Structure formats: C-alpha cells, structure tokens
Amino acid sequence: LENGADYILQGSINSIVDAYKKKKSVTYQVNLELTNIETNEVVWMGDKKIAKLVKN
C-alpha cells in the first residue's frame, strides 16, 4: 500500500469468447471496487461490459 493513500481501487477483467462459423465475439467485463482504507468501507462499485465482433 502507498503511504498517505485514503482509498484503494481493486478490480478484475474477464473475457468470454463465442465463435460461430467465421465470426468471433469477445465480451470483456470489468469489475471495480473503491474502498476507504481507514474504515474498510466500500464507497463505490462499478462494472462495465464491452463486446467486440471479430471476423476470422
């Protein structure tokens, strides 16, 4: 941990790949959580899905 920091941002990135014939779809999901270091309280949570279509 960094000295003097008030919050810590943690998260994960996951991907799901679906393929059909010559097309491929990749869905990324990002999950984030902001925590107050002093109180250990989660003050913000967020997630976002992004889908990309790729032709082979």
PDB file of N, CA and C in Angstrom:
ATOM      1  N   LEU A   1       0.833  -1.188   0.000  1.00  0.00           N
ATOM      2  CA  LEU A   1       0.000   0.000   0.000  1.00  0.00           C
ATOM      3  C   LEU A   1       0.871   1.243   0.000  1.00  0.00           C
ATOM      4  N   GLU A   2       0.340   2.285  -0.581  1.00  0.00           N
ATOM      5  CA  GLU A   2       1.064   3.551  -0.666  1.00  0.00           C
ATOM      6  C   GLU A   2       0.833   4.356   0.607  1.00  0.00           C
ATOM      7  N   ASN A   3       1.873   5.006   1.110  1.00  0.00           N
ATOM      8  CA  ASN A   3       1.725   5.847   2.290  1.00  0.00           C
ATOM      9  C   ASN A   3       0.864   7.052   1.962  1.00  0.00           C
ATOM     10  N   GLY A   4      -0.061   7.395   2.859  1.00  0.00           N
ATOM     11  CA  GLY A   4      -0.894   8.574   2.688  1.00  0.00           C
ATOM     12  C   GLY A   4      -2.103   8.364   1.796  1.00  0.00           C
ATOM     13  N   ALA A   5      -2.310   7.174   1.286  1.00  0.00           N
ATOM     14  CA  ALA A   5      -3.470   6.915   0.427  1.00  0.00           C
ATOM     15  C   ALA A   5      -4.726   6.788   1.288  1.00  0.00           C
ATOM     16  N   ASP A   6      -5.826   7.349   0.802  1.00  0.00           N
ATOM     17  CA  ASP A   6      -7.102   7.263   1.507  1.00  0.00           C
ATOM     18  C   ASP A   6      -7.971   6.116   0.993  1.00  0.00           C
ATOM     19  N   TYR A   7      -7.791   5.781  -0.279  1.00  0.00           N
ATOM     20  CA  TYR A   7      -8.630   4.765  -0.917  1.00  0.00           C
ATOM     21  C   TYR A   7      -7.770   3.795  -1.709  1.00  0.00           C
ATOM     22  N   ILE A   8      -8.320   2.603  -1.937  1.00  0.00           N
ATOM     23  CA  ILE A   8      -7.663   1.628  -2.801  1.00  0.00           C
ATOM     24  C   ILE A   8      -8.691   1.178  -3.841  1.00  0.00           C
ATOM     25  N   LEU A   9      -8.255   1.130  -5.105  1.00  0.00           N
ATOM     26  CA  LEU A   9      -9.108   0.690  -6.206  1.00  0.00           C
ATOM     27  C   LEU A   9      -8.657  -0.699  -6.623  1.00  0.00           C
ATOM     28  N   GLN A  10      -9.585  -1.656  -6.558  1.00  0.00           N
ATOM     29  CA  GLN A  10      -9.289  -3.039  -6.922  1.00  0.00           C
ATOM     30  C   GLN A  10     -10.310  -3.497  -7.947  1.00  0.00           C
ATOM     31  N   GLY A  11      -9.912  -4.471  -8.748  1.00  0.00           N
ATOM     32  CA  GLY A  11     -10.870  -4.966  -9.714  1.00  0.00           C
ATOM     33  C   GLY A  11     -10.368  -6.161 -10.485  1.00  0.00           C
ATOM     34  N   SER A  12     -11.192  -6.554 -11.448  1.00  0.00           N
ATOM     35  CA  SER A  12     -10.852  -7.688 -12.296  1.00  0.00           C
ATOM     36  C   SER A  12     -11.365  -7.433 -13.705  1.00  0.00           C
ATOM     37  N   ILE A  13     -10.711  -8.080 -14.669  1.00  0.00           N
ATOM     38  CA  ILE A  13     -11.128  -8.041 -16.064  1.00  0.00           C
ATOM     39  C   ILE A  13     -11.256  -9.485 -16.529  1.00  0.00           C
ATOM     40  N   ASN A  14     -12.418  -9.827 -17.047  1.00  0.00           N
ATOM     41  CA  ASN A  14     -12.671 -11.175 -17.552  1.00  0.00           C
ATOM     42  C   ASN A  14     -13.119 -11.086 -19.003  1.00  0.00           C
ATOM     43  N   SER A  15     -12.855 -12.136 -19.756  1.00  0.00           N
ATOM     44  CA  SER A  15     -13.305 -12.167 -21.152  1.00  0.00           C
ATOM     45  C   SER A  15     -13.999 -13.490 -21.449  1.00  0.00           C
ATOM     46  N   ILE A  16     -15.008 -13.395 -22.312  1.00  0.00           N
ATOM     47  CA  ILE A  16     -15.743 -14.571 -22.775  1.00  0.00           C
ATOM     48  C   ILE A  16     -15.699 -14.545 -24.295  1.00  0.00           C
ATOM     49  N   VAL A  17     -15.288 -15.665 -24.900  1.00  0.00           N
ATOM     50  CA  VAL A  17     -15.174 -15.757 -26.355  1.00  0.00           C
ATOM     51  C   VAL A  17     -16.245 -16.709 -26.876  1.00  0.00           C
ATOM     52  N   ASP A  18     -17.036 -16.220 -27.827  1.00  0.00           N
ATOM     53  CA  ASP A  18     -18.022 -17.042 -28.526  1.00  0.00           C
ATOM     54  C   ASP A  18     -17.662 -17.032 -30.004  1.00  0.00           C
ATOM     55  N   ALA A  19     -17.660 -18.206 -30.637  1.00  0.00           N
ATOM     56  CA  ALA A  19     -17.327 -18.301 -32.063  1.00  0.00           C
ATOM     57  C   ALA A  19     -18.422 -19.061 -32.795  1.00  0.00           C
ATOM     58  N   TYR A  20     -18.755 -18.559 -33.994  1.00  0.00           N
ATOM     59  CA  TYR A  20     -19.728 -19.223 -34.854  1.00  0.00           C
ATOM     60  C   TYR A  20     -19.317 -18.986 -36.299  1.00  0.00           C
ATOM     61  N   LYS A  21     -19.072 -20.070 -37.006  1.00  0.00           N
ATOM     62  CA  LYS A  21     -18.594 -20.010 -38.391  1.00  0.00           C
ATOM     63  C   LYS A  21     -17.357 -19.127 -38.462  1.00  0.00           C
ATOM     64  N   LYS A  22     -17.387 -18.057 -39.248  1.00  0.00           N
ATOM     65  CA  LYS A  22     -16.193 -17.209 -39.400  1.00  0.00           C
ATOM     66  C   LYS A  22     -16.254 -15.947 -38.545  1.00  0.00           C
ATOM     67  N   LYS A  23     -17.168 -15.915 -37.598  1.00  0.00           N
ATOM     68  CA  LYS A  23     -17.291 -14.744 -36.735  1.00  0.00           C
ATOM     69  C   LYS A  23     -16.958 -15.128 -35.297  1.00  0.00           C
ATOM     70  N   LYS A  24     -16.358 -14.187 -34.602  1.00  0.00           N
ATOM     71  CA  LYS A  24     -15.996 -14.407 -33.205  1.00  0.00           C
ATOM     72  C   LYS A  24     -16.413 -13.174 -32.410  1.00  0.00           C
ATOM     73  N   SER A  25     -17.039 -13.399 -31.281  1.00  0.00           N
ATOM     74  CA  SER A  25     -17.455 -12.323 -30.399  1.00  0.00           C
ATOM     75  C   SER A  25     -16.679 -12.447 -29.093  1.00  0.00           C
ATOM     76  N   VAL A  26     -16.082 -11.343 -28.673  1.00  0.00           N
ATOM     77  CA  VAL A  26     -15.357 -11.319 -27.400  1.00  0.00           C
ATOM     78  C   VAL A  26     -16.042 -10.292 -26.501  1.00  0.00           C
ATOM     79  N   THR A  27     -16.476 -10.744 -25.336  1.00  0.00           N
ATOM     80  CA  THR A  27     -17.099  -9.851 -24.361  1.00  0.00           C
ATOM     81  C   THR A  27     -16.155  -9.705 -23.174  1.00  0.00           C
ATOM     82  N   TYR A  28     -15.827  -8.465 -22.865  1.00  0.00           N
ATOM     83  CA  TYR A  28     -14.971  -8.161 -21.720  1.00  0.00           C
ATOM     84  C   TYR A  28     -15.849  -7.592 -20.612  1.00  0.00           C
ATOM     85  N   GLN A  29     -15.623  -8.032 -19.383  1.00  0.00           N
ATOM     86  CA  GLN A  29     -16.323  -7.466 -18.239  1.00  0.00           C
ATOM     87  C   GLN A  29     -15.288  -6.951 -17.248  1.00  0.00           C
ATOM     88  N   VAL A  30     -15.442  -5.677 -16.888  1.00  0.00           N
ATOM     89  CA  VAL A  30     -14.554  -5.027 -15.928  1.00  0.00           C
ATOM     90  C   VAL A  30     -15.362  -4.770 -14.654  1.00  0.00           C
ATOM     91  N   ASN A  31     -14.861  -5.235 -13.523  1.00  0.00           N
ATOM     92  CA  ASN A  31     -15.489  -5.007 -12.216  1.00  0.00           C
ATOM     93  C   ASN A  31     -14.503  -4.229 -11.351  1.00  0.00           C
ATOM     94  N   LEU A  32     -14.961  -3.117 -10.770  1.00  0.00           N
ATOM     95  CA  LEU A  32     -14.096  -2.286  -9.934  1.00  0.00           C
ATOM     96  C   LEU A  32     -14.759  -2.012  -8.592  1.00  0.00           C
ATOM     97  N   GLU A  33     -13.909  -1.824  -7.584  1.00  0.00           N
ATOM     98  CA  GLU A  33     -14.383  -1.551  -6.231  1.00  0.00           C
ATOM     99  C   GLU A  33     -13.426  -0.554  -5.569  1.00  0.00           C
ATOM    100  N   LEU A  34     -13.980   0.541  -5.043  1.00  0.00           N
ATOM    101  CA  LEU A  34     -13.189   1.564  -4.357  1.00  0.00           C
ATOM    102  C   LEU A  34     -13.457   1.454  -2.858  1.00  0.00           C
ATOM    103  N   THR A  35     -12.391   1.254  -2.088  1.00  0.00           N
ATOM    104  CA  THR A  35     -12.525   1.007  -0.653  1.00  0.00           C
ATOM    105  C   THR A  35     -11.773   2.072   0.140  1.00  0.00           C
ATOM    106  N   ASN A  36     -12.419   2.602   1.178  1.00  0.00           N
ATOM    107  CA  ASN A  36     -11.778   3.516   2.114  1.00  0.00           C
ATOM    108  C   ASN A  36     -10.828   2.686   2.969  1.00  0.00           C
ATOM    109  N   ILE A  37      -9.549   3.002   2.933  1.00  0.00           N
ATOM    110  CA  ILE A  37      -8.539   2.207   3.637  1.00  0.00           C
ATOM    111  C   ILE A  37      -8.712   2.274   5.153  1.00  0.00           C
ATOM    112  N   GLU A  38      -9.078   3.438   5.665  1.00  0.00           N
ATOM    113  CA  GLU A  38      -9.182   3.610   7.117  1.00  0.00           C
ATOM    114  C   GLU A  38     -10.371   2.845   7.704  1.00  0.00           C
ATOM    115  N   THR A  39     -11.526   2.891   7.034  1.00  0.00           N
ATOM    116  CA  THR A  39     -12.740   2.269   7.576  1.00  0.00           C
ATOM    117  C   THR A  39     -13.050   0.917   6.946  1.00  0.00           C
ATOM    118  N   ASN A  40     -12.348   0.581   5.873  1.00  0.00           N
ATOM    119  CA  ASN A  40     -12.583  -0.648   5.108  1.00  0.00           C
ATOM    120  C   ASN A  40     -13.980  -0.678   4.472  1.00  0.00           C
ATOM    121  N   GLU A  41     -14.602   0.501   4.328  1.00  0.00           N
ATOM    122  CA  GLU A  41     -15.931   0.612   3.727  1.00  0.00           C
ATOM    123  C   GLU A  41     -15.805   0.701   2.206  1.00  0.00           C
ATOM    124  N   VAL A  42     -16.608  -0.090   1.510  1.00  0.00           N
ATOM    125  CA  VAL A  42     -16.667   0.005   0.052  1.00  0.00           C
ATOM    126  C   VAL A  42     -17.528   1.222  -0.276  1.00  0.00           C
ATOM    127  N   VAL A  43     -16.912   2.257  -0.873  1.00  0.00           N
ATOM    128  CA  VAL A  43     -17.624   3.506  -1.138  1.00  0.00           C
ATOM    129  C   VAL A  43     -18.148   3.595  -2.567  1.00  0.00           C
ATOM    130  N   TRP A  44     -17.666   2.724  -3.455  1.00  0.00           N
ATOM    131  CA  TRP A  44     -18.145   2.722  -4.838  1.00  0.00           C
ATOM    132  C   TRP A  44     -17.866   1.370  -5.461  1.00  0.00           C
ATOM    133  N   MET A  45     -18.829   0.905  -6.256  1.00  0.00           N
ATOM    134  CA  MET A  45     -18.652  -0.317  -7.037  1.00  0.00           C
ATOM    135  C   MET A  45     -19.170  -0.039  -8.442  1.00  0.00           C
ATOM    136  N   GLY A  46     -18.494  -0.585  -9.433  1.00  0.00           N
ATOM    137  CA  GLY A  46     -18.956  -0.399 -10.797  1.00  0.00           C
ATOM    138  C   GLY A  46     -18.540  -1.554 -11.676  1.00  0.00           C
ATOM    139  N   ASP A  47     -19.313  -1.756 -12.734  1.00  0.00           N
ATOM    140  CA  ASP A  47     -18.943  -2.776 -13.709  1.00  0.00           C
ATOM    141  C   ASP A  47     -19.338  -2.293 -15.095  1.00  0.00           C
ATOM    142  N   LYS A  48     -18.668  -2.834 -16.089  1.00  0.00           N
ATOM    143  CA  LYS A  48     -18.900  -2.442 -17.479  1.00  0.00           C
ATOM    144  C   LYS A  48     -18.631  -3.639 -18.362  1.00  0.00           C
ATOM    145  N   LYS A  49     -19.532  -3.876 -19.318  1.00  0.00           N
ATOM    146  CA  LYS A  49     -19.332  -4.926 -20.315  1.00  0.00           C
ATOM    147  C   LYS A  49     -19.087  -4.266 -21.662  1.00  0.00           C
ATOM    148  N   ILE A  50     -18.110  -4.798 -22.383  1.00  0.00           N
ATOM    149  CA  ILE A  50     -17.771  -4.311 -23.718  1.00  0.00           C
ATOM    150  C   ILE A  50     -17.697  -5.519 -24.633  1.00  0.00           C
ATOM    151  N   ALA A  51     -18.457  -5.486 -25.729  1.00  0.00           N
ATOM    152  CA  ALA A  51     -18.464  -6.603 -26.678  1.00  0.00           C
ATOM    153  C   ALA A  51     -17.813  -6.166 -27.985  1.00  0.00           C
ATOM    154  N   LYS A  52     -16.975  -7.019 -28.531  1.00  0.00           N
ATOM    155  CA  LYS A  52     -16.288  -6.763 -29.796  1.00  0.00           C
ATOM    156  C   LYS A  52     -16.547  -7.928 -30.736  1.00  0.00           C
ATOM    157  N   LEU A  53     -16.863  -7.620 -31.996  1.00  0.00           N
ATOM    158  CA  LEU A  53     -17.078  -8.633 -33.019  1.00  0.00           C
ATOM    159  C   LEU A  53     -15.844  -8.683 -33.910  1.00  0.00           C
ATOM    160  N   VAL A  54     -15.272  -9.882 -34.067  1.00  0.00           N
ATOM    161  CA  VAL A  54     -14.044 -10.064 -34.838  1.00  0.00           C
ATOM    162  C   VAL A  54     -14.320 -11.051 -35.957  1.00  0.00           C
ATOM    163  N   LYS A  55     -13.946 -10.685 -37.176  1.00  0.00           N
ATOM    164  CA  LYS A  55     -14.077 -11.611 -38.303  1.00  0.00           C
ATOM    165  C   LYS A  55     -12.773 -12.365 -38.473  1.00  0.00           C
ATOM    166  N   ASN A  56     -12.852 -13.677 -38.621  1.00  0.00           N
ATOM    167  CA  ASN A  56     -11.650 -14.508 -38.783  1.00  0.00           C
ATOM    168  C   ASN A  56     -11.154 -14.458 -40.203  1.00  0.00           C
TER     169      ASN A  56
END
